[in-house]
PDB file of N, CA and C in Angstrom:
ATOM      1  N   MET A   1      70.951 -24.213 -13.125  1.00  0.00           N
ATOM      2  CA  MET A   1      70.537 -25.479 -12.559  1.00  0.00           C
ATOM      3  C   MET A   1      70.567 -25.418 -11.046  1.00  0.00           C
ATOM      4  N   GLY A   2      70.208 -24.295 -10.499  1.00  0.00           N
ATOM      5  CA  GLY A   2      70.236 -24.124  -9.072  1.00  0.00           C
ATOM      6  C   GLY A   2      68.961 -24.559  -8.382  1.00  0.00           C
ATOM      7  N   GLU A   3      67.996 -25.039  -9.155  1.00  0.00           N
ATOM      8  CA  GLU A   3      66.736 -25.447  -8.531  1.00  0.00           C
ATOM      9  C   GLU A   3      66.860 -26.846  -7.950  1.00  0.00           C
ATOM     10  N   GLU A   4      66.170 -27.050  -6.862  1.00  0.00           N
ATOM     11  CA  GLU A   4      66.224 -28.318  -6.155  1.00  0.00           C
ATOM     12  C   GLU A   4      64.977 -29.130  -6.484  1.00  0.00           C
ATOM     13  N   LEU A   5      65.179 -30.397  -6.754  1.00  0.00           N
ATOM     14  CA  LEU A   5      64.080 -31.307  -7.034  1.00  0.00           C
ATOM     15  C   LEU A   5      63.847 -32.143  -5.785  1.00  0.00           C
ATOM     16  N   LYS A   6      62.663 -32.020  -5.222  1.00  0.00           N
ATOM     17  CA  LYS A   6      62.344 -32.786  -4.017  1.00  0.00           C
ATOM     18  C   LYS A   6      61.250 -33.789  -4.350  1.00  0.00           C
ATOM     19  N   ILE A   7      61.465 -35.014  -3.922  1.00  0.00           N
ATOM     20  CA  ILE A   7      60.464 -36.063  -4.091  1.00  0.00           C
ATOM     21  C   ILE A   7      59.962 -36.442  -2.715  1.00  0.00           C
ATOM     22  N   ARG A   8      58.681 -36.341  -2.534  1.00  0.00           N
ATOM     23  CA  ARG A   8      58.085 -36.773  -1.267  1.00  0.00           C
ATOM     24  C   ARG A   8      57.747 -38.255  -1.418  1.00  0.00           C
ATOM     25  N   TYR A   9      58.696 -39.096  -1.033  1.00  0.00           N
ATOM     26  CA  TYR A   9      58.582 -40.529  -1.248  1.00  0.00           C
ATOM     27  C   TYR A   9      57.331 -41.112  -0.608  1.00  0.00           C
ATOM     28  N   SER A  10      57.046 -40.714   0.600  1.00  0.00           N
ATOM     29  CA  SER A  10      55.875 -41.274   1.288  1.00  0.00           C
ATOM     30  C   SER A  10      54.589 -40.886   0.571  1.00  0.00           C
ATOM     31  N   ALA A  11      54.531 -39.682   0.009  1.00  0.00           N
ATOM     32  CA  ALA A  11      53.328 -39.253  -0.717  1.00  0.00           C
ATOM     33  C   ALA A  11      53.152 -40.062  -1.998  1.00  0.00           C
ATOM     34  N   VAL A  12      54.261 -40.325  -2.696  1.00  0.00           N
ATOM     35  CA  VAL A  12      54.181 -41.127  -3.922  1.00  0.00           C
ATOM     36  C   VAL A  12      53.782 -42.554  -3.585  1.00  0.00           C
ATOM     37  N   GLU A  13      54.397 -43.115  -2.544  1.00  0.00           N
ATOM     38  CA  GLU A  13      54.048 -44.475  -2.129  1.00  0.00           C
ATOM     39  C   GLU A  13      52.578 -44.565  -1.736  1.00  0.00           C
ATOM     40  N   GLN A  14      52.066 -43.558  -1.034  1.00  0.00           N
ATOM     41  CA  GLN A  14      50.661 -43.547  -0.636  1.00  0.00           C
ATOM     42  C   GLN A  14      49.758 -43.463  -1.863  1.00  0.00           C
ATOM     43  N   ALA A  15      50.132 -42.655  -2.848  1.00  0.00           N
ATOM     44  CA  ALA A  15      49.332 -42.534  -4.070  1.00  0.00           C
ATOM     45  C   ALA A  15      49.284 -43.859  -4.820  1.00  0.00           C
ATOM     46  N   VAL A  16      50.413 -44.551  -4.900  1.00  0.00           N
ATOM     47  CA  VAL A  16      50.453 -45.852  -5.570  1.00  0.00           C
ATOM     48  C   VAL A  16      49.599 -46.860  -4.811  1.00  0.00           C
ATOM     49  N   THR A  17      49.663 -46.838  -3.502  1.00  0.00           N
ATOM     50  CA  THR A  17      48.831 -47.725  -2.686  1.00  0.00           C
ATOM     51  C   THR A  17      47.353 -47.439  -2.912  1.00  0.00           C
ATOM     52  N   ASN A  18      46.995 -46.165  -2.987  1.00  0.00           N
ATOM     53  CA  ASN A  18      45.598 -45.796  -3.246  1.00  0.00           C
ATOM     54  C   ASN A  18      45.135 -46.310  -4.602  1.00  0.00           C
ATOM     55  N   ILE A  19      46.005 -46.218  -5.615  1.00  0.00           N
ATOM     56  CA  ILE A  19      45.654 -46.728  -6.942  1.00  0.00           C
ATOM     57  C   ILE A  19      45.480 -48.237  -6.889  1.00  0.00           C
ATOM     58  N   ASP A  20      46.393 -48.935  -6.194  1.00  0.00           N
ATOM     59  CA  ASP A  20      46.266 -50.388  -6.042  1.00  0.00           C
ATOM     60  C   ASP A  20      44.939 -50.756  -5.390  1.00  0.00           C
ATOM     61  N   ASN A  21      44.584 -50.051  -4.326  1.00  0.00           N
ATOM     62  CA  ASN A  21      43.333 -50.334  -3.622  1.00  0.00           C
ATOM     63  C   ASN A  21      42.126 -50.057  -4.503  1.00  0.00           C
ATOM     64  N   ALA A  22      42.164 -48.960  -5.245  1.00  0.00           N
ATOM     65  CA  ALA A  22      41.049 -48.621  -6.132  1.00  0.00           C
ATOM     66  C   ALA A  22      40.914 -49.656  -7.242  1.00  0.00           C
ATOM     67  N   ALA A  23      42.038 -50.100  -7.781  1.00  0.00           N
ATOM     68  CA  ALA A  23      41.996 -51.110  -8.840  1.00  0.00           C
ATOM     69  C   ALA A  23      41.464 -52.431  -8.296  1.00  0.00           C
ATOM     70  N   GLY A  24      41.808 -52.739  -7.060  1.00  0.00           N
ATOM     71  CA  GLY A  24      41.318 -53.970  -6.452  1.00  0.00           C
ATOM     72  C   GLY A  24      39.818 -53.983  -6.267  1.00  0.00           C
ATOM     73  N   SER A  25      39.235 -52.817  -6.091  1.00  0.00           N
ATOM     74  CA  SER A  25      37.786 -52.753  -5.905  1.00  0.00           C
ATOM     75  C   SER A  25      37.055 -52.491  -7.216  1.00  0.00           C
ATOM     76  N   LEU A  26      37.784 -52.524  -8.324  1.00  0.00           N
ATOM     77  CA  LEU A  26      37.191 -52.293  -9.633  1.00  0.00           C
ATOM     78  C   LEU A  26      36.610 -53.596 -10.166  1.00  0.00           C
ATOM     79  N   ASP A  27      35.565 -54.053  -9.546  1.00  0.00           N
ATOM     80  CA  ASP A  27      34.874 -55.258  -9.974  1.00  0.00           C
ATOM     81  C   ASP A  27      33.439 -54.910 -10.296  1.00  0.00           C
ATOM     82  N   THR A  28      33.183 -54.726 -11.562  1.00  0.00           N
ATOM     83  CA  THR A  28      31.825 -54.416 -11.990  1.00  0.00           C
ATOM     84  C   THR A  28      31.069 -55.712 -12.191  1.00  0.00           C
ATOM     85  N   GLU A  29      29.866 -55.715 -11.770  1.00  0.00           N
ATOM     86  CA  GLU A  29      29.025 -56.883 -11.945  1.00  0.00           C
ATOM     87  C   GLU A  29      28.324 -56.775 -13.292  1.00  0.00           C
ATOM     88  N   LEU A  30      28.812 -57.541 -14.240  1.00  0.00           N
ATOM     89  CA  LEU A  30      28.208 -57.575 -15.561  1.00  0.00           C
ATOM     90  C   LEU A  30      27.559 -58.938 -15.750  1.00  0.00           C
ATOM     91  N   PRO A  31      26.403 -58.955 -16.379  1.00  0.00           N
ATOM     92  CA  PRO A  31      25.739 -60.243 -16.576  1.00  0.00           C
ATOM     93  C   PRO A  31      26.561 -61.134 -17.501  1.00  0.00           C
ATOM     94  N   THR A  32      26.624 -62.420 -17.176  1.00  0.00           N
ATOM     95  CA  THR A  32      27.329 -63.352 -18.046  1.00  0.00           C
ATOM     96  C   THR A  32      26.403 -63.879 -19.129  1.00  0.00           C
ATOM     97  N   ASP A  33      25.123 -63.925 -18.846  1.00  0.00           N
ATOM     98  CA  ASP A  33      24.145 -64.382 -19.832  1.00  0.00           C
ATOM     99  C   ASP A  33      22.850 -63.626 -19.578  1.00  0.00           C
ATOM    100  N   ALA A  34      22.524 -62.696 -20.458  1.00  0.00           N
ATOM    101  CA  ALA A  34      21.400 -61.794 -20.218  1.00  0.00           C
ATOM    102  C   ALA A  34      20.036 -62.451 -20.325  1.00  0.00           C
ATOM    103  N   ALA A  35      19.915 -63.537 -21.062  1.00  0.00           N
ATOM    104  CA  ALA A  35      18.569 -64.077 -21.243  1.00  0.00           C
ATOM    105  C   ALA A  35      18.488 -65.590 -21.215  1.00  0.00           C
ATOM    106  N   GLY A  36      19.493 -66.246 -20.758  1.00  0.00           N
ATOM    107  CA  GLY A  36      19.436 -67.695 -20.686  1.00  0.00           C
ATOM    108  C   GLY A  36      19.277 -68.324 -22.058  1.00  0.00           C
ATOM    109  N   GLY A  37      18.116 -68.911 -22.329  1.00  0.00           N
ATOM    110  CA  GLY A  37      17.866 -69.610 -23.583  1.00  0.00           C
ATOM    111  C   GLY A  37      17.372 -68.721 -24.704  1.00  0.00           C
ATOM    112  N   ASN A  38      17.200 -67.440 -24.478  1.00  0.00           N
ATOM    113  CA  ASN A  38      16.689 -66.526 -25.495  1.00  0.00           C
ATOM    114  C   ASN A  38      17.748 -66.306 -26.567  1.00  0.00           C
ATOM    115  N   GLN A  39      17.377 -66.403 -27.833  1.00  0.00           N
ATOM    116  CA  GLN A  39      18.331 -66.290 -28.928  1.00  0.00           C
ATOM    117  C   GLN A  39      18.211 -64.980 -29.697  1.00  0.00           C
ATOM    118  N   LEU A  40      17.641 -63.976 -29.110  1.00  0.00           N
ATOM    119  CA  LEU A  40      17.503 -62.699 -29.788  1.00  0.00           C
ATOM    120  C   LEU A  40      18.874 -62.101 -30.083  1.00  0.00           C
ATOM    121  N   ASP A  41      18.983 -61.453 -31.233  1.00  0.00           N
ATOM    122  CA  ASP A  41      20.251 -60.835 -31.626  1.00  0.00           C
ATOM    123  C   ASP A  41      20.711 -59.789 -30.619  1.00  0.00           C
ATOM    124  N   VAL A  42      19.781 -59.030 -30.086  1.00  0.00           N
ATOM    125  CA  VAL A  42      20.132 -57.987 -29.120  1.00  0.00           C
ATOM    126  C   VAL A  42      20.730 -58.607 -27.863  1.00  0.00           C
ATOM    127  N   VAL A  43      20.140 -59.673 -27.393  1.00  0.00           N
ATOM    128  CA  VAL A  43      20.633 -60.341 -26.191  1.00  0.00           C
ATOM    129  C   VAL A  43      22.023 -60.911 -26.445  1.00  0.00           C
ATOM    130  N   GLU A  44      22.227 -61.493 -27.613  1.00  0.00           N
ATOM    131  CA  GLU A  44      23.544 -62.027 -27.945  1.00  0.00           C
ATOM    132  C   GLU A  44      24.586 -60.908 -27.981  1.00  0.00           C
ATOM    133  N   ARG A  45      24.200 -59.766 -28.526  1.00  0.00           N
ATOM    134  CA  ARG A  45      25.119 -58.629 -28.598  1.00  0.00           C
ATOM    135  C   ARG A  45      25.440 -58.102 -27.196  1.00  0.00           C
ATOM    136  N   ILE A  46      24.441 -58.052 -26.328  1.00  0.00           N
ATOM    137  CA  ILE A  46      24.665 -57.618 -24.939  1.00  0.00           C
ATOM    138  C   ILE A  46      25.632 -58.572 -24.244  1.00  0.00           C
ATOM    139  N   ASN A  47      25.438 -59.858 -24.449  1.00  0.00           N
ATOM    140  CA  ASN A  47      26.343 -60.842 -23.849  1.00  0.00           C
ATOM    141  C   ASN A  47      27.768 -60.665 -24.368  1.00  0.00           C
ATOM    142  N   GLU A  48      27.900 -60.417 -25.661  1.00  0.00           N
ATOM    143  CA  GLU A  48      29.211 -60.205 -26.266  1.00  0.00           C
ATOM    144  C   GLU A  48      29.881 -58.954 -25.697  1.00  0.00           C
ATOM    145  N   LEU A  49      29.123 -57.877 -25.592  1.00  0.00           N
ATOM    146  CA  LEU A  49      29.662 -56.632 -25.040  1.00  0.00           C
ATOM    147  C   LEU A  49      30.052 -56.791 -23.572  1.00  0.00           C
ATOM    148  N   SER A  50      29.248 -57.509 -22.821  1.00  0.00           N
ATOM    149  CA  SER A  50      29.568 -57.751 -21.406  1.00  0.00           C
ATOM    150  C   SER A  50      30.882 -58.513 -21.280  1.00  0.00           C
ATOM    151  N   HIS A  51      31.056 -59.496 -22.135  1.00  0.00           N
ATOM    152  CA  HIS A  51      32.297 -60.275 -22.131  1.00  0.00           C
ATOM    153  C   HIS A  51      33.488 -59.377 -22.471  1.00  0.00           C
ATOM    154  N   GLN A  52      33.336 -58.542 -23.484  1.00  0.00           N
ATOM    155  CA  GLN A  52      34.414 -57.632 -23.871  1.00  0.00           C
ATOM    156  C   GLN A  52      34.738 -56.646 -22.749  1.00  0.00           C
ATOM    157  N   LEU A  53      33.711 -56.148 -22.080  1.00  0.00           N
ATOM    158  CA  LEU A  53      33.937 -55.218 -20.968  1.00  0.00           C
ATOM    159  C   LEU A  53      34.698 -55.884 -19.823  1.00  0.00           C
ATOM    160  N   ARG A  54      34.376 -57.137 -19.536  1.00  0.00           N
ATOM    161  CA  ARG A  54      35.105 -57.862 -18.487  1.00  0.00           C
ATOM    162  C   ARG A  54      36.577 -58.023 -18.873  1.00  0.00           C
ATOM    163  N   GLU A  55      36.820 -58.342 -20.153  1.00  0.00           N
ATOM    164  CA  GLU A  55      38.202 -58.488 -20.613  1.00  0.00           C
ATOM    165  C   GLU A  55      38.954 -57.160 -20.519  1.00  0.00           C
ATOM    166  N   ILE A  56      38.306 -56.077 -20.926  1.00  0.00           N
ATOM    167  CA  ILE A  56      38.926 -54.750 -20.857  1.00  0.00           C
ATOM    168  C   ILE A  56      39.227 -54.378 -19.413  1.00  0.00           C
ATOM    169  N   ARG A  57      38.277 -54.651 -18.518  1.00  0.00           N
ATOM    170  CA  ARG A  57      38.486 -54.352 -17.097  1.00  0.00           C
ATOM    171  C   ARG A  57      39.697 -55.106 -16.565  1.00  0.00           C
ATOM    172  N   ASP A  58      39.794 -56.386 -16.912  1.00  0.00           N
ATOM    173  CA  ASP A  58      40.910 -57.195 -16.425  1.00  0.00           C
ATOM    174  C   ASP A  58      42.247 -56.707 -16.980  1.00  0.00           C
ATOM    175  N   LEU A  59      42.264 -56.345 -18.261  1.00  0.00           N
ATOM    176  CA  LEU A  59      43.488 -55.804 -18.857  1.00  0.00           C
ATOM    177  C   LEU A  59      43.872 -54.477 -18.214  1.00  0.00           C
ATOM    178  N   TYR A  60      42.885 -53.644 -17.945  1.00  0.00           N
ATOM    179  CA  TYR A  60      43.139 -52.352 -17.307  1.00  0.00           C
ATOM    180  C   TYR A  60      43.760 -52.549 -15.928  1.00  0.00           C
ATOM    181  N   LYS A  61      43.211 -53.479 -15.162  1.00  0.00           N
ATOM    182  CA  LYS A  61      43.751 -53.753 -13.834  1.00  0.00           C
ATOM    183  C   LYS A  61      45.181 -54.287 -13.925  1.00  0.00           C
ATOM    184  N   GLU A  62      45.442 -55.109 -14.934  1.00  0.00           N
ATOM    185  CA  GLU A  62      46.785 -55.654 -15.132  1.00  0.00           C
ATOM    186  C   GLU A  62      47.775 -54.538 -15.488  1.00  0.00           C
ATOM    187  N   ILE A  63      47.362 -53.638 -16.379  1.00  0.00           N
ATOM    188  CA  ILE A  63      48.219 -52.514 -16.764  1.00  0.00           C
ATOM    189  C   ILE A  63      48.473 -51.602 -15.568  1.00  0.00           C
ATOM    190  N   LEU A  64      47.435 -51.345 -14.775  1.00  0.00           N
ATOM    191  CA  LEU A  64      47.610 -50.522 -13.571  1.00  0.00           C
ATOM    192  C   LEU A  64      48.628 -51.146 -12.624  1.00  0.00           C
ATOM    193  N   ALA A  65      48.521 -52.451 -12.434  1.00  0.00           N
ATOM    194  CA  ALA A  65      49.439 -53.144 -11.527  1.00  0.00           C
ATOM    195  C   ALA A  65      50.878 -53.043 -12.037  1.00  0.00           C
ATOM    196  N   LYS A  66      51.073 -53.247 -13.354  1.00  0.00           N
ATOM    197  CA  LYS A  66      52.419 -53.146 -13.923  1.00  0.00           C
ATOM    198  C   LYS A  66      52.957 -51.723 -13.804  1.00  0.00           C
ATOM    199  N   ASN A  67      52.098 -50.749 -14.050  1.00  0.00           N
ATOM    200  CA  ASN A  67      52.517 -49.354 -13.933  1.00  0.00           C
ATOM    201  C   ASN A  67      52.917 -49.031 -12.495  1.00  0.00           C
ATOM    202  N   ASN A  68      52.140 -49.504 -11.541  1.00  0.00           N
ATOM    203  CA  ASN A  68      52.455 -49.248 -10.135  1.00  0.00           C
ATOM    204  C   ASN A  68      53.767 -49.912  -9.728  1.00  0.00           C
ATOM    205  N   GLN A  69      54.027 -51.111 -10.253  1.00  0.00           N
ATOM    206  CA  GLN A  69      55.305 -51.767  -9.976  1.00  0.00           C
ATOM    207  C   GLN A  69      56.457 -50.935 -10.529  1.00  0.00           C
ATOM    208  N   SER A  70      56.264 -50.400 -11.724  1.00  0.00           N
ATOM    209  CA  SER A  70      57.288 -49.556 -12.343  1.00  0.00           C
ATOM    210  C   SER A  70      57.531 -48.293 -11.523  1.00  0.00           C
ATOM    211  N   VAL A  71      56.457 -47.690 -11.042  1.00  0.00           N
ATOM    212  CA  VAL A  71      56.589 -46.487 -10.211  1.00  0.00           C
ATOM    213  C   VAL A  71      57.348 -46.817  -8.927  1.00  0.00           C
ATOM    214  N   LYS A  72      57.022 -47.938  -8.317  1.00  0.00           N
ATOM    215  CA  LYS A  72      57.697 -48.328  -7.078  1.00  0.00           C
ATOM    216  C   LYS A  72      59.191 -48.558  -7.312  1.00  0.00           C
ATOM    217  N   LYS A  73      59.540 -49.225  -8.438  1.00  0.00           N
ATOM    218  CA  LYS A  73      60.953 -49.452  -8.749  1.00  0.00           C
ATOM    219  C   LYS A  73      61.666 -48.128  -8.991  1.00  0.00           C
ATOM    220  N   SER A  74      61.023 -47.240  -9.730  1.00  0.00           N
ATOM    221  CA  SER A  74      61.618 -45.928 -10.006  1.00  0.00           C
ATOM    222  C   SER A  74      61.810 -45.143  -8.720  1.00  0.00           C
ATOM    223  N   LEU A  75      60.818 -45.199  -7.858  1.00  0.00           N
ATOM    224  CA  LEU A  75      60.889 -44.486  -6.589  1.00  0.00           C
ATOM    225  C   LEU A  75      62.047 -45.006  -5.740  1.00  0.00           C
ATOM    226  N   THR A  76      62.198 -46.315  -5.690  1.00  0.00           N
ATOM    227  CA  THR A  76      63.297 -46.916  -4.939  1.00  0.00           C
ATOM    228  C   THR A  76      64.640 -46.491  -5.524  1.00  0.00           C
ATOM    229  N   SER A  77      64.746 -46.513  -6.844  1.00  0.00           N
ATOM    230  CA  SER A  77      65.994 -46.097  -7.498  1.00  0.00           C
ATOM    231  C   SER A  77      66.311 -44.637  -7.212  1.00  0.00           C
ATOM    232  N   MET A  78      65.299 -43.786  -7.290  1.00  0.00           N
ATOM    233  CA  MET A  78      65.505 -42.363  -7.012  1.00  0.00           C
ATOM    234  C   MET A  78      65.929 -42.150  -5.563  1.00  0.00           C
ATOM    235  N   GLU A  79      65.303 -42.890  -4.673  1.00  0.00           N
ATOM    236  CA  GLU A  79      65.632 -42.754  -3.250  1.00  0.00           C
ATOM    237  C   GLU A  79      67.074 -43.197  -2.989  1.00  0.00           C
ATOM    238  N   GLU A  80      67.482 -44.312  -3.611  1.00  0.00           N
ATOM    239  CA  GLU A  80      68.855 -44.787  -3.446  1.00  0.00           C
ATOM    240  C   GLU A  80      69.851 -43.779  -4.023  1.00  0.00           C
ATOM    241  N   ALA A  81      69.548 -43.253  -5.201  1.00  0.00           N
ATOM    242  CA  ALA A  81      70.434 -42.254  -5.818  1.00  0.00           C
ATOM    243  C   ALA A  81      70.513 -41.003  -4.951  1.00  0.00           C
ATOM    244  N   ASP A  82      69.395 -40.617  -4.378  1.00  0.00           N
ATOM    245  CA  ASP A  82      69.352 -39.450  -3.497  1.00  0.00           C
ATOM    246  C   ASP A  82      70.253 -39.658  -2.285  1.00  0.00           C
ATOM    247  N   HIS A  83      70.169 -40.848  -1.680  1.00  0.00           N
ATOM    248  CA  HIS A  83      71.005 -41.149  -0.510  1.00  0.00           C
ATOM    249  C   HIS A  83      72.484 -41.181  -0.888  1.00  0.00           C
ATOM    250  N   GLN A  84      72.807 -41.781  -2.036  1.00  0.00           N
ATOM    251  CA  GLN A  84      74.207 -41.843  -2.471  1.00  0.00           C
ATOM    252  C   GLN A  84      74.759 -40.447  -2.732  1.00  0.00           C
ATOM    253  N   LEU A  85      73.965 -39.635  -3.401  1.00  0.00           N
ATOM    254  CA  LEU A  85      74.395 -38.270  -3.692  1.00  0.00           C
ATOM    255  C   LEU A  85      74.568 -37.472  -2.406  1.00  0.00           C
ATOM    256  N   SER A  86      73.630 -37.640  -1.497  1.00  0.00           N
ATOM    257  CA  SER A  86      73.708 -36.946  -0.216  1.00  0.00           C
ATOM    258  C   SER A  86      74.961 -37.364   0.550  1.00  0.00           C
ATOM    259  N   SER A  87      75.258 -38.660   0.536  1.00  0.00           N
ATOM    260  CA  SER A  87      76.449 -39.164   1.234  1.00  0.00           C
ATOM    261  C   SER A  87      77.720 -38.618   0.608  1.00  0.00           C
ATOM    262  N   SER A  88      77.765 -38.576  -0.724  1.00  0.00           N
ATOM    263  CA  SER A  88      78.982 -38.081  -1.384  1.00  0.00           C
ATOM    264  C   SER A  88      79.172 -36.586  -1.143  1.00  0.00           C
ATOM    265  N   ILE A  89      78.086 -35.838  -1.038  1.00  0.00           N
ATOM    266  CA  ILE A  89      78.185 -34.406  -0.753  1.00  0.00           C
ATOM    267  C   ILE A  89      78.685 -34.187   0.675  1.00  0.00           C
ATOM    268  N   LYS A  90      78.213 -35.013   1.612  1.00  0.00           N
ATOM    269  CA  LYS A  90      78.628 -34.875   3.012  1.00  0.00           C
ATOM    270  C   LYS A  90      80.104 -35.204   3.201  1.00  0.00           C
ATOM    271  N   LEU A  91      80.650 -36.080   2.342  1.00  0.00           N
ATOM    272  CA  LEU A  91      82.056 -36.469   2.459  1.00  0.00           C
ATOM    273  C   LEU A  91      83.001 -35.366   2.005  1.00  0.00           C
ATOM    274  N   ARG A  92      82.523 -34.410   1.245  1.00  0.00           N
ATOM    275  CA  ARG A  92      83.382 -33.326   0.722  1.00  0.00           C
ATOM    276  C   ARG A  92      83.731 -32.345   1.764  1.00  0.00           C
TER     277      ARG A  92
END
């Protein structure tokens, strides 16, 4: 167990920020109503699929945000543990 584990905190934080920014710009323009008053089955199906895609996109963005929050909490915990361990080693 002589190997050292190094975490580049700033690199991880930057990666999480990049994911947040990318998720924020993940706004696809999908039609809400493809044909107005047209009652064709195909048009209805397109409208249904567009609605489902919007819901999936929103859920994906929500999951990304929760995952990024988890990464940030883990990173903070690791950083605190690293500082505590470093301090205890210096006291010896």
